[in-house]
Amino acid sequence: MQTQRWGSKQEFQDDFFAYAANGLYLDKNINSEIFYAKDYDFVIKRYALLGKVKGVRSKVLVLDNDDTLNPPGYKKNIFFNWLDGLAQQNPAIKKRRDKIEEKASNLMAKAQAEGELLVKNQNNGILKRVKTPYTGSFHHELKELVDELRRDKLTKDQHKIACETAAKKTELVMNCLQAVTEIEEMGFIPRIDSSSPTDANVIFGEQKLQIPGPRIQGSDFKFDDKGYLENIRTYSGCNKVLAKDEIIKKENCSPHGWVLVDDNFRADAYLATTFGYSLVVWAPNDKEIPDKLPGKIYVKLPEIRTDMMYLVDFIRRYEKARVFTFFKDPKSMDTIIKKIRNINELADKCKTASKDSEINEFAKRVNLETLQLLELYDPVFPKLSSGIIELTDELSFTKDTERRKSLTDDIRNVINKVTPEAKASGDFIEGLKPFVEEFESLYRREEW
């Protein structure tokens, strides 16, 4: 069935999810406490066990390493620490280190350009005709880097010691292990995918983040029978993204709900949005935010470079957006927002009313609207932890007029505190209208 503005129902649902997430749930102005309700966690786990929510089971969290898992600062990442280790052992590398750095920088610049080309090919529908994502210019830069290291007679032992030194020396962002552990408890499989040497990443990831070696990938160094460098297989933007299908088979995980955390939007993050990652968390080293990507969910979050618990907050936000839009269609969201606004208006009138009859009438209407709201929200409203059921029960039975006025205000405050929809702006509501209109022409309510 063709839609008026969307090519398919799935595309429509994905765009609604992206709109709700980008426009509301990932808004930094909304207090993160909203997303920590215990009974909300229970809803996610319950439906995960039943396998009802697309992407809940065995999602993948892909973490870049260099300049993402490390605090801000020049030459603090694992690549430069590895290069330091090589220079300490190999006098030729130490002497020509600047030249090697230049070649490595040129290679990364080509990887970025190749990533943009790959996106263009994908958008033009010609990716399947491309056997390798990298063109000759990239391989030329890679060969020049390999030639430099071979000229300096880099050995396997030197590489191994440099990797061990780099893993030990490389700093980790504050609370990184705690954050990765909590995200894993949300049903994610954590991985490290980095363009730095695999051996350094494996030691770093296993020792500092407790991520198993098979879930860590970097650039592989191949040595000949005499122990000298022979070649390098890079693992940058294109390879990272195109490895997704292989990882799905290996881990038996969902193809949906993947999250990429990266510092370079053009080289890696932009690719990920094109090739099916559900959320991209961008810890930028660039000054400019990229153009908006329709139907894609991403958040600019430089804060994770100082405290990785910010990542936990925003993955919780993303998870709640995903679960909400699974259960609730655009029309339901629109109705929920309107009911919350109506409850606030009635609570204001009750608060300023002086006659008992007016107070009782407004309180009665607040109670009725709230019960209808809870029914609309089910199962994604935190009824237990918010205490709202106790408030509505008491409001139904108490005869004390002042107490009714107080309870009405308490109910309104609870709703505003625990629902992101209470924070919906006028612009968000306006942008929701096309989804509501399309939903009404495309679906029967029970089909959602």
Protein backbone atom coordinates (compact mmCIF):
# COMPACT_ATOMS: atom_id res chain seq x y z
CA MET A 1 0.00 0.00 0.00
CA GLN A 2 1.47 3.35 -1.04
CA THR A 3 1.13 6.40 1.16
CA GLN A 4 0.80 10.02 0.12
CA ARG A 5 4.10 11.20 1.62
CA TRP A 6 5.81 7.95 2.62
CA GLY A 7 6.72 4.97 0.45
CA SER A 8 5.49 2.36 2.94
CA LYS A 9 3.96 1.91 6.36
CA GLN A 10 7.36 0.91 7.76
CA GLU A 11 8.92 4.10 6.44
CA PHE A 12 6.08 6.07 8.00
CA GLN A 13 6.56 4.37 11.39
CA ASP A 14 10.33 4.87 11.27
CA ASP A 15 9.92 8.56 10.48
CA PHE A 16 7.40 9.00 13.29
CA PHE A 17 9.86 7.35 15.70
CA ALA A 18 12.64 9.65 14.46
CA TYR A 19 10.42 12.73 14.77
CA ALA A 20 9.37 11.88 18.34
CA ALA A 21 12.93 11.07 19.38
CA ASN A 22 14.68 14.04 17.78
CA GLY A 23 11.96 16.57 18.57
CA LEU A 24 11.05 15.56 22.11
CA TYR A 25 12.72 12.65 23.87
CA LEU A 26 16.33 13.66 23.06
CA ASP A 27 15.72 17.31 23.95
CA LYS A 28 18.42 18.28 26.46
CA ASN A 29 16.01 20.73 28.11
CA ILE A 30 13.91 17.83 29.41
CA ASN A 31 15.03 16.54 32.81
CA SER A 32 16.60 13.08 32.56
CA GLU A 33 14.85 11.93 35.75
CA ILE A 34 11.72 11.40 33.64
CA PHE A 35 13.38 8.40 32.01
CA TYR A 36 14.40 6.52 35.17
CA ALA A 37 11.04 5.16 36.38
CA LYS A 38 11.48 1.58 37.65
CA ASP A 39 8.14 0.37 36.34
CA TYR A 40 9.06 1.77 32.93
CA ASP A 41 12.14 -0.49 33.01
CA PHE A 42 9.83 -3.38 33.86
CA VAL A 43 7.71 -2.66 30.78
CA ILE A 44 10.78 -2.77 28.54
CA LYS A 45 12.04 -6.02 30.06
CA ARG A 46 8.60 -7.66 29.98
CA TYR A 47 8.05 -6.94 26.32
CA ALA A 48 11.66 -7.81 25.54
CA LEU A 49 11.06 -11.28 26.92
CA LEU A 50 7.95 -11.62 24.82
CA GLY A 51 9.88 -10.40 21.80
CA LYS A 52 7.18 -7.92 20.88
CA VAL A 53 9.16 -4.73 20.44
CA LYS A 54 11.33 -4.55 17.35
CA GLY A 55 14.95 -4.07 18.32
CA VAL A 56 14.60 -4.79 22.06
CA ARG A 57 16.50 -8.08 21.95
CA SER A 58 20.25 -8.10 21.54
CA LYS A 59 20.80 -4.66 20.14
CA VAL A 60 24.38 -3.53 19.56
CA LEU A 61 26.21 -0.55 21.03
CA VAL A 62 29.17 0.31 18.79
CA LEU A 63 31.78 2.47 20.48
CA ASP A 64 34.53 4.27 18.65
CA ASN A 65 37.70 4.54 20.73
CA ASP A 66 40.01 7.36 19.64
CA ASP A 67 38.70 10.75 20.81
CA THR A 68 35.40 9.18 21.93
CA LEU A 69 36.22 7.04 24.97
CA ASN A 70 39.08 9.35 25.95
CA PRO A 71 38.95 12.76 27.64
CA PRO A 72 39.53 15.75 25.34
CA GLY A 73 43.19 16.52 24.68
CA TYR A 74 45.68 16.29 21.84
CA LYS A 75 47.53 12.97 21.53
CA LYS A 76 45.72 11.33 24.43
CA ASN A 77 44.07 8.65 22.31
CA ILE A 78 45.20 5.08 21.77
CA PHE A 79 46.61 5.68 18.27
CA PHE A 80 49.05 8.37 19.34
CA ASN A 81 50.00 6.40 22.45
CA TRP A 82 50.73 3.42 20.17
CA LEU A 83 52.88 5.62 17.98
CA ASP A 84 54.73 6.84 21.08
CA GLY A 85 55.40 3.22 21.98
CA LEU A 86 56.83 2.49 18.53
CA ALA A 87 59.08 5.57 18.70
CA GLN A 88 60.47 4.46 22.07
CA GLN A 89 61.61 1.12 20.62
CA ASN A 90 62.47 1.94 17.03
CA PRO A 91 64.99 4.78 16.47
CA ALA A 92 64.06 5.11 12.78
CA ILE A 93 60.38 5.60 13.63
CA LYS A 94 61.32 8.08 16.35
CA LYS A 95 63.39 10.07 13.87
CA ARG A 96 60.66 10.17 11.21
CA ARG A 97 57.61 10.21 13.46
CA ASP A 98 56.22 13.44 11.99
CA LYS A 99 56.26 11.89 8.52
CA ILE A 100 54.37 8.82 9.76
CA GLU A 101 51.80 11.02 11.49
CA GLU A 102 51.32 12.93 8.26
CA LYS A 103 50.70 9.71 6.32
CA ALA A 104 48.23 8.48 8.95
CA SER A 105 46.36 11.81 8.83
CA ASN A 106 46.19 11.65 5.04
CA LEU A 107 44.76 8.14 5.27
CA MET A 108 42.04 9.23 7.71
CA ALA A 109 41.14 12.16 5.45
CA LYS A 110 40.73 9.75 2.54
CA ALA A 111 38.60 7.46 4.71
CA GLN A 112 36.34 10.42 5.42
CA ALA A 113 36.04 11.27 1.73
CA GLU A 114 35.39 7.63 0.86
CA GLY A 115 32.63 7.52 3.47
CA GLU A 116 30.90 10.42 1.79
CA LEU A 117 31.27 8.68 -1.58
CA LEU A 118 29.80 5.49 -0.15
CA VAL A 119 26.76 7.40 1.11
CA LYS A 120 26.34 8.94 -2.34
CA ASN A 121 26.55 5.51 -3.98
CA GLN A 122 24.01 4.09 -1.54
CA ASN A 123 21.62 6.95 -2.16
CA ASN A 124 21.99 6.45 -5.91
CA GLY A 125 21.31 2.73 -5.58
CA ILE A 126 24.67 1.59 -6.98
CA LEU A 127 26.33 0.23 -3.83
CA LYS A 128 25.74 -3.42 -4.81
CA ARG A 129 27.91 -2.89 -7.88
CA VAL A 130 30.85 -1.74 -5.76
CA LYS A 131 33.00 -4.69 -4.63
CA THR A 132 35.13 -2.63 -2.25
CA PRO A 133 34.07 0.59 -0.53
CA TYR A 134 37.49 2.16 -0.97
CA THR A 135 38.83 3.55 -4.23
CA GLY A 136 42.39 3.75 -5.54
CA SER A 137 43.21 7.01 -3.77
CA PHE A 138 42.54 5.48 -0.37
CA HIS A 139 44.63 2.40 -1.13
CA HIS A 140 47.43 4.68 -2.35
CA GLU A 141 47.51 6.50 1.00
CA LEU A 142 47.37 3.19 2.89
CA LYS A 143 50.29 1.83 0.85
CA GLU A 144 52.32 4.96 1.61
CA LEU A 145 51.75 4.50 5.35
CA VAL A 146 52.69 0.80 5.15
CA ASP A 147 55.80 1.65 3.10
CA GLU A 148 56.91 4.18 5.74
CA LEU A 149 56.64 1.61 8.55
CA ARG A 150 58.26 -1.12 6.47
CA ARG A 151 61.13 1.23 5.60
CA ASP A 152 61.70 1.64 9.34
CA LYS A 153 61.60 -2.16 9.78
CA LEU A 154 58.69 -2.27 12.22
CA THR A 155 58.67 -5.70 13.89
CA LYS A 156 55.92 -7.78 15.43
CA ASP A 157 57.51 -7.56 18.87
CA GLN A 158 57.78 -3.78 18.68
CA HIS A 159 54.15 -3.57 17.63
CA LYS A 160 53.06 -5.87 20.47
CA ILE A 161 54.90 -3.90 23.14
CA ALA A 162 53.60 -0.60 21.72
CA CYS A 163 50.02 -1.94 21.86
CA GLU A 164 50.44 -3.00 25.49
CA THR A 165 51.92 0.37 26.39
CA ALA A 166 49.19 2.29 24.55
CA ALA A 167 46.39 0.32 26.22
CA LYS A 168 47.86 0.96 29.65
CA LYS A 169 48.58 4.63 28.99
CA THR A 170 45.34 5.64 27.28
CA GLU A 171 42.94 7.42 29.60
CA LEU A 172 39.27 6.56 29.87
CA VAL A 173 36.39 9.02 30.18
CA MET A 174 34.99 9.25 33.71
CA ASN A 175 32.35 6.59 34.57
CA CYS A 176 32.89 4.80 31.27
CA LEU A 177 32.85 1.26 32.74
CA GLN A 178 29.73 2.00 34.80
CA ALA A 179 27.98 3.45 31.74
CA VAL A 180 28.81 0.49 29.51
CA THR A 181 27.61 -1.90 32.24
CA GLU A 182 24.29 -0.10 32.64
CA ILE A 183 23.72 0.07 28.88
CA GLU A 184 24.46 -3.65 28.63
CA GLU A 185 21.75 -4.23 31.26
CA MET A 186 19.33 -2.44 28.91
CA GLY A 187 19.80 -5.23 26.38
CA PHE A 188 22.75 -3.95 24.36
CA ILE A 189 25.84 -5.87 23.27
CA PRO A 190 28.79 -3.45 23.64
CA ARG A 191 31.51 -3.43 20.97
CA ILE A 192 34.59 -1.34 20.28
CA ASP A 193 35.15 -0.62 16.59
CA SER A 194 38.21 1.54 16.00
CA SER A 195 40.67 2.34 13.23
CA SER A 196 43.57 2.04 15.71
CA PRO A 197 45.46 -1.27 16.00
CA THR A 198 43.26 -4.22 16.98
CA ASP A 199 45.76 -5.57 19.55
CA ALA A 200 45.84 -2.26 21.42
CA ASN A 201 42.05 -1.98 21.36
CA VAL A 202 41.59 -5.56 22.62
CA ILE A 203 43.89 -5.06 25.62
CA PHE A 204 42.29 -1.69 26.36
CA GLY A 205 38.70 -2.96 26.03
CA GLU A 206 39.19 -6.17 27.99
CA GLN A 207 41.09 -4.59 30.87
CA LYS A 208 39.28 -1.27 31.22
CA LEU A 209 35.73 -1.96 29.98
CA GLN A 210 35.40 -5.74 30.42
CA ILE A 211 34.38 -6.15 26.77
CA PRO A 212 35.44 -9.58 25.38
CA GLY A 213 38.14 -9.57 22.71
CA PRO A 214 35.91 -11.06 19.97
CA ARG A 215 33.72 -7.96 20.30
CA ILE A 216 36.61 -5.58 19.66
CA GLN A 217 37.85 -4.74 16.19
CA GLY A 218 40.53 -2.42 14.89
CA SER A 219 43.07 -2.27 12.11
CA ASP A 220 44.94 -5.58 11.72
CA PHE A 221 48.70 -5.64 11.22
CA LYS A 222 50.11 -8.57 9.25
CA PHE A 223 53.73 -9.61 9.71
CA ASP A 224 55.87 -11.92 7.56
CA ASP A 225 57.67 -15.09 8.68
CA LYS A 226 60.66 -13.06 9.82
CA GLY A 227 58.49 -10.84 12.02
CA TYR A 228 58.55 -7.69 9.89
CA LEU A 229 55.47 -5.71 8.89
CA GLU A 230 53.92 -6.89 5.66
CA ASN A 231 50.57 -5.10 5.42
CA ILE A 232 47.75 -3.36 7.30
CA ARG A 233 44.03 -4.02 6.96
CA THR A 234 42.35 -0.80 8.05
CA TYR A 235 39.09 -0.69 9.96
CA SER A 236 37.69 2.79 9.47
CA GLY A 237 34.30 4.24 8.49
CA CYS A 238 33.29 2.09 5.52
CA ASN A 239 34.52 -1.20 6.97
CA LYS A 240 32.87 -0.49 10.31
CA VAL A 241 29.45 0.03 8.78
CA LEU A 242 29.63 -2.73 6.20
CA ALA A 243 30.59 -5.23 8.95
CA LYS A 244 27.08 -4.93 10.40
CA ASP A 245 25.65 -7.97 8.58
CA GLU A 246 28.58 -10.13 9.69
CA ILE A 247 28.10 -9.05 13.31
CA ILE A 248 24.37 -9.84 13.17
CA LYS A 249 25.11 -13.39 12.06
CA LYS A 250 27.91 -13.84 14.58
CA GLU A 251 25.98 -12.50 17.58
CA ASN A 252 22.52 -13.68 16.49
CA CYS A 253 21.32 -10.20 17.38
CA SER A 254 18.64 -7.88 16.06
CA PRO A 255 19.34 -5.76 12.98
CA HIS A 256 17.30 -2.99 14.62
CA GLY A 257 18.04 -0.61 17.46
CA TRP A 258 21.79 -0.28 16.86
CA VAL A 259 23.60 2.66 18.45
CA LEU A 260 26.88 4.20 17.26
CA VAL A 261 28.93 6.48 19.50
CA ASP A 262 31.55 8.33 17.49
CA ASP A 263 33.47 11.60 17.31
CA ASN A 264 33.58 12.05 13.53
CA PHE A 265 30.24 12.62 11.85
CA ARG A 266 31.45 12.69 8.25
CA ALA A 267 33.70 9.62 8.38
CA ASP A 268 31.60 7.28 10.53
CA ALA A 269 28.40 8.71 11.93
CA TYR A 270 26.96 9.91 8.63
CA LEU A 271 27.63 6.47 7.17
CA ALA A 272 25.87 4.83 10.09
CA THR A 273 22.70 6.85 9.60
CA THR A 274 22.66 5.73 5.97
CA PHE A 275 23.22 2.05 6.68
CA GLY A 276 20.57 1.34 9.29
CA TYR A 277 21.92 2.40 12.67
CA SER A 278 18.97 3.59 14.74
CA LEU A 279 20.75 6.15 16.91
CA VAL A 280 23.99 8.01 16.42
CA VAL A 281 25.50 9.77 19.43
CA TRP A 282 27.99 12.29 18.17
CA ALA A 283 30.82 13.41 20.46
CA PRO A 284 32.12 16.01 18.04
CA ASN A 285 35.59 17.25 17.46
CA ASP A 286 34.12 19.36 14.66
CA LYS A 287 32.60 22.79 15.24
CA GLU A 288 29.65 22.53 12.89
CA ILE A 289 26.65 20.28 13.34
CA PRO A 290 25.67 18.56 10.07
CA ASP A 291 22.49 19.19 8.17
CA LYS A 292 19.40 17.49 9.53
CA LEU A 293 19.00 13.95 8.23
CA PRO A 294 15.32 13.16 7.58
CA GLY A 295 14.16 10.01 9.31
CA LYS A 296 17.42 9.58 11.21
CA ILE A 297 17.91 9.82 14.95
CA TYR A 298 21.06 11.45 16.24
CA VAL A 299 22.15 13.67 19.09
CA LYS A 300 25.15 15.96 19.46
CA LEU A 301 26.54 15.08 22.89
CA PRO A 302 30.05 16.43 23.57
CA GLU A 303 29.30 16.00 27.28
CA ILE A 304 30.18 12.30 27.08
CA ARG A 305 33.83 13.27 26.62
CA THR A 306 33.85 14.32 30.29
CA ASP A 307 31.30 11.88 31.82
CA MET A 308 29.99 8.80 30.00
CA MET A 309 26.87 8.65 32.20
CA TYR A 310 25.40 11.24 29.82
CA LEU A 311 25.32 8.42 27.28
CA VAL A 312 23.24 6.28 29.65
CA ASP A 313 20.71 9.11 29.98
CA PHE A 314 20.31 9.54 26.26
CA ILE A 315 20.08 5.85 25.46
CA ARG A 316 17.30 5.67 28.04
CA ARG A 317 15.57 8.54 26.26
CA TYR A 318 15.98 6.78 22.93
CA GLU A 319 14.63 3.53 24.38
CA LYS A 320 11.57 5.24 25.80
CA ALA A 321 10.89 6.97 22.46
CA ARG A 322 11.18 3.64 20.67
CA VAL A 323 8.85 1.82 23.07
CA PHE A 324 6.35 4.70 23.13
CA THR A 325 6.13 4.91 19.34
CA PHE A 326 5.82 1.13 19.12
CA PHE A 327 2.70 1.15 21.28
CA LYS A 328 1.34 4.60 20.48
CA ASP A 329 0.47 6.00 17.06
CA PRO A 330 0.71 9.71 16.09
CA LYS A 331 -2.99 10.28 16.77
CA SER A 332 -2.62 8.85 20.28
CA MET A 333 0.40 11.06 20.94
CA ASP A 334 -1.53 14.10 19.77
CA THR A 335 -4.46 13.19 22.02
CA ILE A 336 -2.15 12.59 24.99
CA ILE A 337 -0.52 16.00 24.59
CA LYS A 338 -3.91 17.71 24.34
CA LYS A 339 -5.21 15.90 27.42
CA ILE A 340 -2.16 16.90 29.45
CA ARG A 341 -2.69 20.52 28.44
CA ASN A 342 -6.37 20.27 29.31
CA ILE A 343 -5.54 18.79 32.73
CA ASN A 344 -3.19 21.68 33.41
CA GLU A 345 -5.84 24.23 32.44
CA LEU A 346 -8.45 22.54 34.67
CA ALA A 347 -5.98 22.33 37.55
CA ASP A 348 -5.26 26.07 37.21
CA LYS A 349 -8.98 26.83 37.34
CA CYS A 350 -9.43 24.57 40.36
CA LYS A 351 -6.53 26.24 42.14
CA THR A 352 -8.03 29.73 41.74
CA ALA A 353 -11.68 28.75 42.26
CA SER A 354 -13.35 30.00 45.45
CA LYS A 355 -16.74 28.28 45.36
CA ASP A 356 -16.99 24.70 46.59
CA SER A 357 -19.18 23.75 43.63
CA GLU A 358 -16.56 25.02 41.15
CA ILE A 359 -13.71 23.31 43.00
CA ASN A 360 -15.59 20.02 43.04
CA GLU A 361 -16.49 20.27 39.36
CA PHE A 362 -12.94 21.06 38.23
CA ALA A 363 -11.52 18.34 40.50
CA LYS A 364 -13.97 15.81 39.07
CA ARG A 365 -12.99 16.72 35.51
CA VAL A 366 -9.26 16.52 36.33
CA ASN A 367 -9.78 13.05 37.79
CA LEU A 368 -11.76 11.87 34.76
CA GLU A 369 -9.26 13.31 32.29
CA THR A 370 -6.37 11.75 34.23
CA LEU A 371 -7.93 8.28 34.22
CA GLN A 372 -8.52 8.59 30.48
CA LEU A 373 -4.91 9.74 30.05
CA LEU A 374 -3.59 6.71 31.94
CA GLU A 375 -5.66 4.43 29.74
CA LEU A 376 -4.25 6.13 26.63
CA TYR A 377 -0.69 5.82 27.93
CA ASP A 378 -0.88 2.17 28.97
CA PRO A 379 1.60 0.40 29.24
CA VAL A 380 4.20 3.19 29.12
CA PHE A 381 3.10 5.46 31.99
CA PRO A 382 4.97 4.85 35.29
CA LYS A 383 1.84 4.32 37.39
CA LEU A 384 3.52 2.61 40.33
CA SER A 385 6.59 4.77 40.86
CA SER A 386 4.73 8.04 40.25
CA GLY A 387 2.05 7.35 42.87
CA ILE A 388 -0.64 8.76 40.60
CA ILE A 389 -3.13 5.94 41.25
CA GLU A 390 -3.16 6.70 44.97
CA LEU A 391 -3.81 10.37 44.18
CA THR A 392 -6.70 9.67 41.79
CA ASP A 393 -8.21 7.15 44.23
CA GLU A 394 -8.13 9.66 47.07
CA LEU A 395 -9.55 12.40 44.86
CA SER A 396 -12.46 10.13 43.98
CA PHE A 397 -13.48 9.56 47.61
CA THR A 398 -12.49 12.60 49.66
CA LYS A 399 -15.21 15.12 50.53
CA ASP A 400 -12.81 17.74 51.83
CA THR A 401 -12.90 20.62 49.32
CA GLU A 402 -9.45 22.01 50.16
CA ARG A 403 -7.99 18.52 49.98
CA ARG A 404 -9.57 18.05 46.55
CA LYS A 405 -7.96 21.27 45.39
CA SER A 406 -4.59 20.11 46.72
CA LEU A 407 -4.89 16.66 45.13
CA THR A 408 -5.80 18.19 41.78
CA ASP A 409 -2.60 20.22 41.86
CA ASP A 410 -0.56 17.17 42.94
CA ILE A 411 -1.92 15.10 40.03
CA ARG A 412 -1.06 17.82 37.55
CA ASN A 413 2.47 18.12 38.98
CA VAL A 414 3.06 14.36 38.78
CA ILE A 415 1.96 14.25 35.13
CA ASN A 416 4.21 17.18 34.25
CA LYS A 417 7.13 15.58 36.10
CA VAL A 418 7.04 12.07 34.60
CA THR A 419 5.86 12.61 30.99
CA PRO A 420 8.02 13.98 28.19
CA GLU A 421 4.81 14.78 26.30
CA ALA A 422 4.03 17.46 28.90
CA LYS A 423 7.07 19.35 27.57
CA ALA A 424 5.95 19.27 23.91
CA SER A 425 6.42 22.69 22.34
CA GLY A 426 4.06 24.40 19.93
CA ASP A 427 6.52 23.71 17.11
CA PHE A 428 6.58 20.01 17.96
CA ILE A 429 2.78 19.83 17.98
CA GLU A 430 2.64 21.63 14.63
CA GLY A 431 5.18 19.20 13.16
CA LEU A 432 3.14 16.27 14.43
CA LYS A 433 0.11 17.24 12.33
CA PRO A 434 1.27 15.64 9.03
CA PHE A 435 1.82 12.35 10.86
CA VAL A 436 -1.66 12.51 12.38
CA GLU A 437 -3.24 13.28 9.02
CA GLU A 438 -1.35 10.47 7.28
CA PHE A 439 -2.15 8.03 10.08
CA GLU A 440 -5.85 8.73 9.84
CA SER A 441 -5.84 8.05 6.09
CA LEU A 442 -3.47 5.09 6.24
CA TYR A 443 -4.38 3.02 9.29
CA ARG A 444 -7.16 1.63 11.33
CA ARG A 445 -6.25 2.22 14.99
CA GLU A 446 -5.95 -1.49 15.76
CA GLU A 447 -3.39 -1.96 12.95
CA TRP A 448 -0.70 0.05 14.75
